[in-house]
Amino acid sequence: MFLLFQIGLASIFLLFSTIASWYEGSAIVENTWEWKYSTPFSQLLYGQVQNSSDISQLDYFIYAVKFQPTFPVIMVISCLYLMILIGFHFFKKQYKWFTCYLSFLGGGLFFLSYFIFTSPTIGGKVLFLALLLSGLFCILLAALTYFHILNRHTKEITN
């Protein structure tokens, strides 16, 4: 029951922060000078952006990350928390699988942080730190879970 409450609360945070990020990122429509630098999805789909109608909705999030990173970081953290809760729910009896899942998740976060390591904007640096620290947290949690299993297994052998 408590797990469902946590999943519901994290989902509400994710939904709210996604809507807020999307709204904040919609300011890109008015900033034509930023279209060249903050519309990678639109440029991939349509080529060079000529009109505001050419801008993909995903580019709103890129713009929000670069210039107003508060809600995108909340999005990342709430999504990560949901992923950890769901992984724990599915692997609660199989701790070794949960350890692998957390390690994989941490590695993925490190990989994502690598892509924005050289970002010149404050928002990019904030997101880089959020992803890096989240990756470290997942790896640390995986190590603690693994050593808990190892400790429990050695206690069972000695008894």
N, C-alpha and C. Protein backbone atom coordinates (compact mmCIF):
# COMPACT_ATOMS: atom_id res chain seq x y z
N MET A 1 0.82 -1.19 0.00
CA MET A 1 0.00 0.00 0.00
C MET A 1 0.86 1.25 0.00
N PHE A 2 1.94 1.23 0.82
CA PHE A 2 2.84 2.39 0.88
C PHE A 2 3.56 2.58 -0.44
N LEU A 3 3.87 1.47 -1.13
CA LEU A 3 4.53 1.54 -2.43
C LEU A 3 3.62 2.24 -3.45
N LEU A 4 2.34 1.93 -3.43
CA LEU A 4 1.40 2.60 -4.34
C LEU A 4 1.30 4.09 -4.05
N PHE A 5 1.35 4.46 -2.78
CA PHE A 5 1.33 5.87 -2.41
C PHE A 5 2.57 6.58 -2.96
N GLN A 6 3.74 5.95 -2.82
CA GLN A 6 4.98 6.53 -3.33
C GLN A 6 4.95 6.67 -4.85
N ILE A 7 4.45 5.63 -5.52
CA ILE A 7 4.36 5.68 -6.98
C ILE A 7 3.40 6.78 -7.42
N GLY A 8 2.28 6.91 -6.74
CA GLY A 8 1.32 7.96 -7.06
C GLY A 8 1.89 9.35 -6.84
N LEU A 9 2.57 9.54 -5.73
CA LEU A 9 3.16 10.85 -5.43
C LEU A 9 4.27 11.20 -6.42
N ALA A 10 5.11 10.24 -6.74
CA ALA A 10 6.18 10.48 -7.72
C ALA A 10 5.60 10.76 -9.11
N SER A 11 4.52 10.08 -9.44
CA SER A 11 3.86 10.33 -10.73
C SER A 11 3.27 11.73 -10.80
N ILE A 12 2.72 12.20 -9.70
CA ILE A 12 2.17 13.56 -9.66
C ILE A 12 3.29 14.58 -9.83
N PHE A 13 4.42 14.36 -9.14
CA PHE A 13 5.57 15.25 -9.30
C PHE A 13 6.07 15.24 -10.74
N LEU A 14 6.14 14.05 -11.34
CA LEU A 14 6.60 13.93 -12.72
C LEU A 14 5.66 14.65 -13.67
N LEU A 15 4.37 14.48 -13.50
CA LEU A 15 3.40 15.12 -14.36
C LEU A 15 3.45 16.65 -14.22
N PHE A 16 3.48 17.13 -12.99
CA PHE A 16 3.53 18.57 -12.75
C PHE A 16 4.80 19.19 -13.32
N SER A 17 5.94 18.56 -13.06
CA SER A 17 7.20 19.12 -13.54
C SER A 17 7.31 19.04 -15.06
N THR A 18 6.72 18.01 -15.67
CA THR A 18 6.72 17.92 -17.13
C THR A 18 5.91 19.05 -17.74
N ILE A 19 4.73 19.30 -17.20
CA ILE A 19 3.89 20.38 -17.72
C ILE A 19 4.57 21.73 -17.51
N ALA A 20 5.18 21.94 -16.35
CA ALA A 20 5.86 23.21 -16.07
C ALA A 20 7.07 23.38 -16.99
N SER A 21 7.83 22.32 -17.23
CA SER A 21 8.99 22.40 -18.13
C SER A 21 8.54 22.70 -19.56
N TRP A 22 7.51 22.05 -19.96
CA TRP A 22 6.98 22.25 -21.31
C TRP A 22 6.52 23.69 -21.48
N TYR A 23 5.85 24.23 -20.46
CA TYR A 23 5.40 25.61 -20.51
C TYR A 23 6.58 26.58 -20.55
N GLU A 24 7.56 26.37 -19.68
CA GLU A 24 8.73 27.25 -19.66
C GLU A 24 9.52 27.16 -20.96
N GLY A 25 9.60 25.98 -21.52
CA GLY A 25 10.33 25.80 -22.77
C GLY A 25 9.63 26.37 -23.98
N SER A 26 8.34 26.63 -23.86
CA SER A 26 7.60 27.19 -25.00
C SER A 26 8.04 28.62 -25.32
N ALA A 27 8.85 29.22 -24.47
CA ALA A 27 9.39 30.55 -24.73
C ALA A 27 10.33 30.55 -25.93
N ILE A 28 10.77 29.38 -26.36
CA ILE A 28 11.66 29.31 -27.52
C ILE A 28 10.97 29.81 -28.78
N VAL A 29 9.66 29.72 -28.82
CA VAL A 29 8.91 30.17 -29.99
C VAL A 29 9.16 31.66 -30.25
N GLU A 30 9.33 32.43 -29.18
CA GLU A 30 9.53 33.87 -29.30
C GLU A 30 11.00 34.26 -29.47
N ASN A 31 11.92 33.38 -29.17
CA ASN A 31 13.35 33.68 -29.24
C ASN A 31 13.96 33.08 -30.51
N THR A 32 13.78 33.76 -31.62
CA THR A 32 14.25 33.23 -32.91
C THR A 32 15.77 33.07 -32.95
N TRP A 33 16.50 33.88 -32.21
CA TRP A 33 17.96 33.78 -32.20
C TRP A 33 18.44 32.48 -31.59
N GLU A 34 17.60 31.79 -30.81
CA GLU A 34 17.98 30.56 -30.15
C GLU A 34 17.59 29.32 -30.96
N TRP A 35 16.86 29.49 -32.03
CA TRP A 35 16.40 28.34 -32.81
C TRP A 35 17.56 27.51 -33.36
N LYS A 36 18.64 28.16 -33.71
CA LYS A 36 19.79 27.45 -34.28
C LYS A 36 20.46 26.53 -33.25
N TYR A 37 20.40 26.90 -31.97
CA TYR A 37 21.16 26.20 -30.94
C TYR A 37 20.32 25.28 -30.04
N SER A 38 19.01 25.50 -29.99
CA SER A 38 18.19 24.77 -29.04
C SER A 38 17.09 23.93 -29.68
N THR A 39 17.22 23.63 -30.95
CA THR A 39 16.18 22.83 -31.62
C THR A 39 16.78 21.61 -32.33
N PRO A 40 17.48 20.73 -31.62
CA PRO A 40 18.09 19.59 -32.31
C PRO A 40 17.07 18.61 -32.89
N PHE A 41 15.95 18.42 -32.21
CA PHE A 41 14.95 17.48 -32.73
C PHE A 41 14.27 18.03 -33.96
N SER A 42 13.96 19.31 -33.96
CA SER A 42 13.34 19.93 -35.12
C SER A 42 14.28 19.92 -36.31
N GLN A 43 15.55 20.19 -36.08
CA GLN A 43 16.52 20.17 -37.16
C GLN A 43 16.72 18.77 -37.70
N LEU A 44 16.60 17.78 -36.84
CA LEU A 44 16.70 16.40 -37.29
C LEU A 44 15.49 16.01 -38.14
N LEU A 45 14.31 16.48 -37.75
CA LEU A 45 13.09 16.13 -38.47
C LEU A 45 12.85 16.97 -39.72
N TYR A 46 13.07 18.28 -39.62
CA TYR A 46 12.67 19.20 -40.69
C TYR A 46 13.83 19.93 -41.35
N GLY A 47 15.02 19.79 -40.85
CA GLY A 47 16.12 20.60 -41.34
C GLY A 47 16.16 21.90 -40.55
N GLN A 48 16.59 22.97 -41.21
CA GLN A 48 16.69 24.25 -40.52
C GLN A 48 15.30 24.78 -40.18
N VAL A 49 15.16 25.31 -38.97
CA VAL A 49 13.88 25.84 -38.49
C VAL A 49 13.67 27.24 -39.08
N GLN A 50 12.57 27.40 -39.78
CA GLN A 50 12.25 28.69 -40.39
C GLN A 50 11.10 29.40 -39.66
N ASN A 51 10.12 28.62 -39.22
CA ASN A 51 8.94 29.17 -38.54
C ASN A 51 8.80 28.55 -37.16
N SER A 52 8.05 29.22 -36.32
CA SER A 52 7.81 28.66 -34.99
C SER A 52 6.99 27.37 -35.07
N SER A 53 6.25 27.18 -36.12
CA SER A 53 5.47 25.95 -36.27
C SER A 53 6.35 24.75 -36.61
N ASP A 54 7.61 25.00 -36.99
CA ASP A 54 8.55 23.92 -37.29
C ASP A 54 9.19 23.33 -36.04
N ILE A 55 8.99 23.97 -34.90
CA ILE A 55 9.66 23.54 -33.67
C ILE A 55 8.93 22.36 -33.05
N SER A 56 9.68 21.31 -32.79
CA SER A 56 9.14 20.11 -32.15
C SER A 56 8.87 20.38 -30.68
N GLN A 57 7.89 19.71 -30.14
CA GLN A 57 7.56 19.85 -28.72
C GLN A 57 8.71 19.38 -27.83
N LEU A 58 9.51 18.44 -28.30
CA LEU A 58 10.66 17.97 -27.52
C LEU A 58 11.71 19.06 -27.34
N ASP A 59 11.79 19.96 -28.32
CA ASP A 59 12.75 21.05 -28.21
C ASP A 59 12.37 22.05 -27.12
N TYR A 60 11.12 22.06 -26.72
CA TYR A 60 10.71 22.90 -25.60
C TYR A 60 11.46 22.47 -24.33
N PHE A 61 11.63 21.17 -24.18
CA PHE A 61 12.33 20.66 -23.00
C PHE A 61 13.83 21.00 -23.05
N ILE A 62 14.41 20.97 -24.25
CA ILE A 62 15.82 21.34 -24.41
C ILE A 62 16.01 22.80 -23.98
N TYR A 63 15.13 23.65 -24.45
CA TYR A 63 15.21 25.08 -24.10
C TYR A 63 15.02 25.28 -22.60
N ALA A 64 14.08 24.56 -22.02
CA ALA A 64 13.84 24.68 -20.58
C ALA A 64 15.05 24.21 -19.78
N VAL A 65 15.69 23.15 -20.21
CA VAL A 65 16.88 22.65 -19.52
C VAL A 65 17.99 23.70 -19.58
N LYS A 66 18.16 24.32 -20.72
CA LYS A 66 19.26 25.27 -20.89
C LYS A 66 19.08 26.53 -20.06
N PHE A 67 17.85 27.03 -19.96
CA PHE A 67 17.67 28.35 -19.39
C PHE A 67 16.85 28.39 -18.09
N GLN A 68 16.07 27.37 -17.81
CA GLN A 68 15.30 27.30 -16.57
C GLN A 68 15.27 25.85 -16.10
N PRO A 69 16.35 25.37 -15.49
CA PRO A 69 16.51 23.93 -15.25
C PRO A 69 15.79 23.37 -14.03
N THR A 70 15.08 24.18 -13.26
CA THR A 70 14.49 23.67 -12.03
C THR A 70 13.51 22.53 -12.30
N PHE A 71 12.53 22.77 -13.13
CA PHE A 71 11.53 21.73 -13.37
C PHE A 71 12.07 20.55 -14.18
N PRO A 72 12.97 20.76 -15.16
CA PRO A 72 13.57 19.57 -15.80
C PRO A 72 14.35 18.69 -14.83
N VAL A 73 15.02 19.29 -13.85
CA VAL A 73 15.75 18.48 -12.86
C VAL A 73 14.75 17.72 -11.98
N ILE A 74 13.65 18.38 -11.61
CA ILE A 74 12.61 17.68 -10.84
C ILE A 74 12.04 16.53 -11.66
N MET A 75 11.90 16.75 -12.97
CA MET A 75 11.44 15.67 -13.86
C MET A 75 12.38 14.48 -13.80
N VAL A 76 13.67 14.75 -13.91
CA VAL A 76 14.67 13.67 -13.91
C VAL A 76 14.65 12.92 -12.58
N ILE A 77 14.61 13.65 -11.49
CA ILE A 77 14.65 13.01 -10.17
C ILE A 77 13.38 12.20 -9.91
N SER A 78 12.22 12.75 -10.26
CA SER A 78 10.98 12.00 -10.03
C SER A 78 10.89 10.79 -10.96
N CYS A 79 11.38 10.91 -12.17
CA CYS A 79 11.39 9.76 -13.09
C CYS A 79 12.35 8.68 -12.57
N LEU A 80 13.50 9.10 -12.09
CA LEU A 80 14.45 8.14 -11.53
C LEU A 80 13.87 7.45 -10.31
N TYR A 81 13.21 8.21 -9.45
CA TYR A 81 12.60 7.62 -8.25
C TYR A 81 11.53 6.60 -8.65
N LEU A 82 10.73 6.93 -9.67
CA LEU A 82 9.74 5.98 -10.16
C LEU A 82 10.40 4.72 -10.70
N MET A 83 11.47 4.88 -11.43
CA MET A 83 12.16 3.72 -11.99
C MET A 83 12.74 2.83 -10.89
N ILE A 84 13.28 3.45 -9.85
CA ILE A 84 13.81 2.66 -8.73
C ILE A 84 12.68 1.94 -8.00
N LEU A 85 11.56 2.62 -7.78
CA LEU A 85 10.42 1.98 -7.11
C LEU A 85 9.88 0.81 -7.92
N ILE A 86 9.75 1.01 -9.22
CA ILE A 86 9.23 -0.07 -10.07
C ILE A 86 10.21 -1.23 -10.11
N GLY A 87 11.51 -0.93 -10.21
CA GLY A 87 12.52 -1.98 -10.17
C GLY A 87 12.50 -2.74 -8.85
N PHE A 88 12.35 -2.02 -7.76
CA PHE A 88 12.28 -2.67 -6.45
C PHE A 88 11.05 -3.57 -6.36
N HIS A 89 9.93 -3.09 -6.90
CA HIS A 89 8.70 -3.89 -6.86
C HIS A 89 8.87 -5.20 -7.64
N PHE A 90 9.49 -5.12 -8.82
CA PHE A 90 9.64 -6.32 -9.64
C PHE A 90 10.74 -7.25 -9.14
N PHE A 91 11.77 -6.71 -8.51
CA PHE A 91 12.91 -7.52 -8.09
C PHE A 91 13.06 -7.63 -6.58
N LYS A 92 11.97 -7.43 -5.82
CA LYS A 92 12.11 -7.42 -4.37
C LYS A 92 12.52 -8.78 -3.79
N LYS A 93 12.24 -9.85 -4.47
CA LYS A 93 12.66 -11.18 -3.99
C LYS A 93 13.99 -11.61 -4.61
N GLN A 94 14.42 -10.90 -5.65
CA GLN A 94 15.65 -11.26 -6.36
C GLN A 94 16.63 -10.09 -6.23
N TYR A 95 17.33 -10.04 -5.11
CA TYR A 95 18.20 -8.90 -4.82
C TYR A 95 19.35 -8.77 -5.82
N LYS A 96 19.83 -9.88 -6.31
CA LYS A 96 20.93 -9.80 -7.29
C LYS A 96 20.46 -9.12 -8.57
N TRP A 97 19.25 -9.42 -8.99
CA TRP A 97 18.70 -8.76 -10.18
C TRP A 97 18.48 -7.27 -9.91
N PHE A 98 18.04 -6.94 -8.71
CA PHE A 98 17.84 -5.53 -8.36
C PHE A 98 19.17 -4.79 -8.35
N THR A 99 20.22 -5.45 -7.87
CA THR A 99 21.55 -4.86 -7.89
C THR A 99 22.01 -4.60 -9.32
N CYS A 100 21.79 -5.55 -10.19
CA CYS A 100 22.14 -5.37 -11.61
C CYS A 100 21.31 -4.25 -12.23
N TYR A 101 20.04 -4.20 -11.91
CA TYR A 101 19.16 -3.16 -12.42
C TYR A 101 19.65 -1.77 -11.98
N LEU A 102 20.00 -1.62 -10.72
CA LEU A 102 20.50 -0.33 -10.22
C LEU A 102 21.84 0.02 -10.87
N SER A 103 22.69 -0.96 -11.07
CA SER A 103 23.98 -0.71 -11.72
C SER A 103 23.78 -0.25 -13.16
N PHE A 104 22.88 -0.91 -13.86
CA PHE A 104 22.56 -0.53 -15.23
C PHE A 104 21.97 0.88 -15.28
N LEU A 105 21.10 1.18 -14.36
CA LEU A 105 20.49 2.51 -14.28
C LEU A 105 21.55 3.57 -13.99
N GLY A 106 22.45 3.30 -13.06
CA GLY A 106 23.53 4.23 -12.76
C GLY A 106 24.45 4.43 -13.95
N GLY A 107 24.77 3.36 -14.64
CA GLY A 107 25.60 3.47 -15.84
C GLY A 107 24.93 4.30 -16.92
N GLY A 108 23.63 4.11 -17.08
CA GLY A 108 22.89 4.91 -18.06
C GLY A 108 22.88 6.39 -17.71
N LEU A 109 22.78 6.69 -16.43
CA LEU A 109 22.82 8.10 -16.00
C LEU A 109 24.20 8.71 -16.22
N PHE A 110 25.25 7.93 -15.97
CA PHE A 110 26.60 8.41 -16.27
C PHE A 110 26.76 8.67 -17.76
N PHE A 111 26.23 7.78 -18.57
CA PHE A 111 26.30 7.91 -20.02
C PHE A 111 25.57 9.17 -20.48
N LEU A 112 24.38 9.42 -19.94
CA LEU A 112 23.64 10.63 -20.30
C LEU A 112 24.36 11.90 -19.84
N SER A 113 24.96 11.85 -18.67
CA SER A 113 25.67 13.03 -18.18
C SER A 113 26.89 13.35 -19.05
N TYR A 114 27.47 12.34 -19.65
CA TYR A 114 28.62 12.55 -20.53
C TYR A 114 28.25 13.43 -21.72
N PHE A 115 27.04 13.27 -22.23
CA PHE A 115 26.63 14.04 -23.41
C PHE A 115 26.47 15.53 -23.13
N ILE A 116 26.19 15.90 -21.91
CA ILE A 116 26.00 17.32 -21.61
C ILE A 116 27.11 17.88 -20.74
N PHE A 117 28.21 17.14 -20.64
CA PHE A 117 29.34 17.56 -19.84
C PHE A 117 29.90 18.91 -20.29
N THR A 118 29.94 19.16 -21.57
CA THR A 118 30.55 20.38 -22.10
C THR A 118 29.54 21.49 -22.35
N SER A 119 28.38 21.39 -21.79
CA SER A 119 27.36 22.41 -22.02
C SER A 119 27.81 23.76 -21.47
N PRO A 120 27.69 24.82 -22.27
CA PRO A 120 28.12 26.14 -21.80
C PRO A 120 27.09 26.86 -20.94
N THR A 121 25.87 26.35 -20.89
CA THR A 121 24.81 27.05 -20.14
C THR A 121 24.77 26.56 -18.69
N ILE A 122 24.24 27.40 -17.85
CA ILE A 122 24.08 27.07 -16.43
C ILE A 122 23.14 25.87 -16.28
N GLY A 123 22.06 25.88 -17.04
CA GLY A 123 21.10 24.78 -16.97
C GLY A 123 21.71 23.45 -17.36
N GLY A 124 22.57 23.46 -18.39
CA GLY A 124 23.25 22.24 -18.79
C GLY A 124 24.17 21.72 -17.71
N LYS A 125 24.85 22.64 -17.04
CA LYS A 125 25.75 22.24 -15.95
C LYS A 125 24.96 21.69 -14.76
N VAL A 126 23.82 22.30 -14.48
CA VAL A 126 22.97 21.82 -13.38
C VAL A 126 22.45 20.43 -13.70
N LEU A 127 21.98 20.22 -14.93
CA LEU A 127 21.49 18.90 -15.32
C LEU A 127 22.61 17.87 -15.31
N PHE A 128 23.80 18.27 -15.75
CA PHE A 128 24.95 17.38 -15.71
C PHE A 128 25.21 16.91 -14.27
N LEU A 129 25.22 17.85 -13.34
CA LEU A 129 25.44 17.47 -11.93
C LEU A 129 24.32 16.58 -11.40
N ALA A 130 23.08 16.89 -11.78
CA ALA A 130 21.95 16.07 -11.32
C ALA A 130 22.07 14.65 -11.85
N LEU A 131 22.41 14.50 -13.12
CA LEU A 131 22.55 13.16 -13.69
C LEU A 131 23.75 12.43 -13.09
N LEU A 132 24.85 13.14 -12.91
CA LEU A 132 26.05 12.52 -12.35
C LEU A 132 25.80 12.06 -10.91
N LEU A 133 25.21 12.92 -10.10
CA LEU A 133 24.93 12.55 -8.70
C LEU A 133 23.88 11.43 -8.62
N SER A 134 22.90 11.45 -9.51
CA SER A 134 21.91 10.38 -9.53
C SER A 134 22.56 9.06 -9.92
N GLY A 135 23.48 9.10 -10.87
CA GLY A 135 24.22 7.90 -11.25
C GLY A 135 25.04 7.36 -10.10
N LEU A 136 25.72 8.27 -9.39
CA LEU A 136 26.49 7.85 -8.21
C LEU A 136 25.59 7.25 -7.14
N PHE A 137 24.42 7.86 -6.95
CA PHE A 137 23.46 7.34 -5.97
C PHE A 137 23.03 5.92 -6.34
N CYS A 138 22.73 5.69 -7.61
CA CYS A 138 22.30 4.35 -8.04
C CYS A 138 23.41 3.32 -7.86
N ILE A 139 24.63 3.69 -8.21
CA ILE A 139 25.76 2.78 -8.04
C ILE A 139 26.00 2.49 -6.56
N LEU A 140 25.91 3.53 -5.73
CA LEU A 140 26.08 3.34 -4.29
C LEU A 140 24.97 2.45 -3.72
N LEU A 141 23.74 2.67 -4.15
CA LEU A 141 22.63 1.85 -3.70
C LEU A 141 22.79 0.40 -4.16
N ALA A 142 23.31 0.22 -5.38
CA ALA A 142 23.57 -1.14 -5.87
C ALA A 142 24.65 -1.81 -5.03
N ALA A 143 25.70 -1.07 -4.68
CA ALA A 143 26.77 -1.65 -3.86
C ALA A 143 26.27 -2.00 -2.47
N LEU A 144 25.48 -1.12 -1.88
CA LEU A 144 24.92 -1.41 -0.55
C LEU A 144 24.00 -2.63 -0.59
N THR A 145 23.20 -2.73 -1.62
CA THR A 145 22.31 -3.90 -1.76
C THR A 145 23.13 -5.16 -1.94
N TYR A 146 24.17 -5.09 -2.75
CA TYR A 146 25.02 -6.26 -2.98
C TYR A 146 25.70 -6.70 -1.69
N PHE A 147 26.27 -5.75 -0.95
CA PHE A 147 26.95 -6.12 0.29
C PHE A 147 25.97 -6.59 1.36
N HIS A 148 24.76 -6.11 1.32
CA HIS A 148 23.72 -6.60 2.24
C HIS A 148 23.42 -8.07 1.92
N ILE A 149 23.34 -8.39 0.65
CA ILE A 149 23.12 -9.78 0.24
C ILE A 149 24.29 -10.64 0.66
N LEU A 150 25.51 -10.15 0.40
CA LEU A 150 26.71 -10.90 0.74
C LEU A 150 26.79 -11.13 2.25
N ASN A 151 26.50 -10.11 3.03
CA ASN A 151 26.53 -10.22 4.48
C ASN A 151 25.46 -11.20 4.97
N ARG A 152 24.27 -11.14 4.41
CA ARG A 152 23.20 -12.05 4.80
C ARG A 152 23.55 -13.49 4.44
N HIS A 153 24.18 -13.66 3.27
CA HIS A 153 24.55 -15.00 2.82
C HIS A 153 25.64 -15.60 3.73
N THR A 154 26.60 -14.81 4.16
CA THR A 154 27.67 -15.34 5.04
C THR A 154 27.12 -15.65 6.42
N LYS A 155 26.12 -14.89 6.89
CA LYS A 155 25.51 -15.18 8.18
C LYS A 155 24.75 -16.51 8.13
N GLU A 156 24.10 -16.78 6.99
CA GLU A 156 23.37 -18.04 6.85
C GLU A 156 24.31 -19.22 6.83
N ILE A 157 25.48 -19.05 6.24
CA ILE A 157 26.47 -20.14 6.17
C ILE A 157 27.04 -20.44 7.55
N THR A 158 27.32 -19.39 8.34
CA THR A 158 27.93 -19.60 9.65
C THR A 158 26.93 -20.16 10.68
N ASN A 159 25.65 -19.96 10.44
CA ASN A 159 24.64 -20.50 11.37
C ASN A 159 24.35 -21.89 11.03
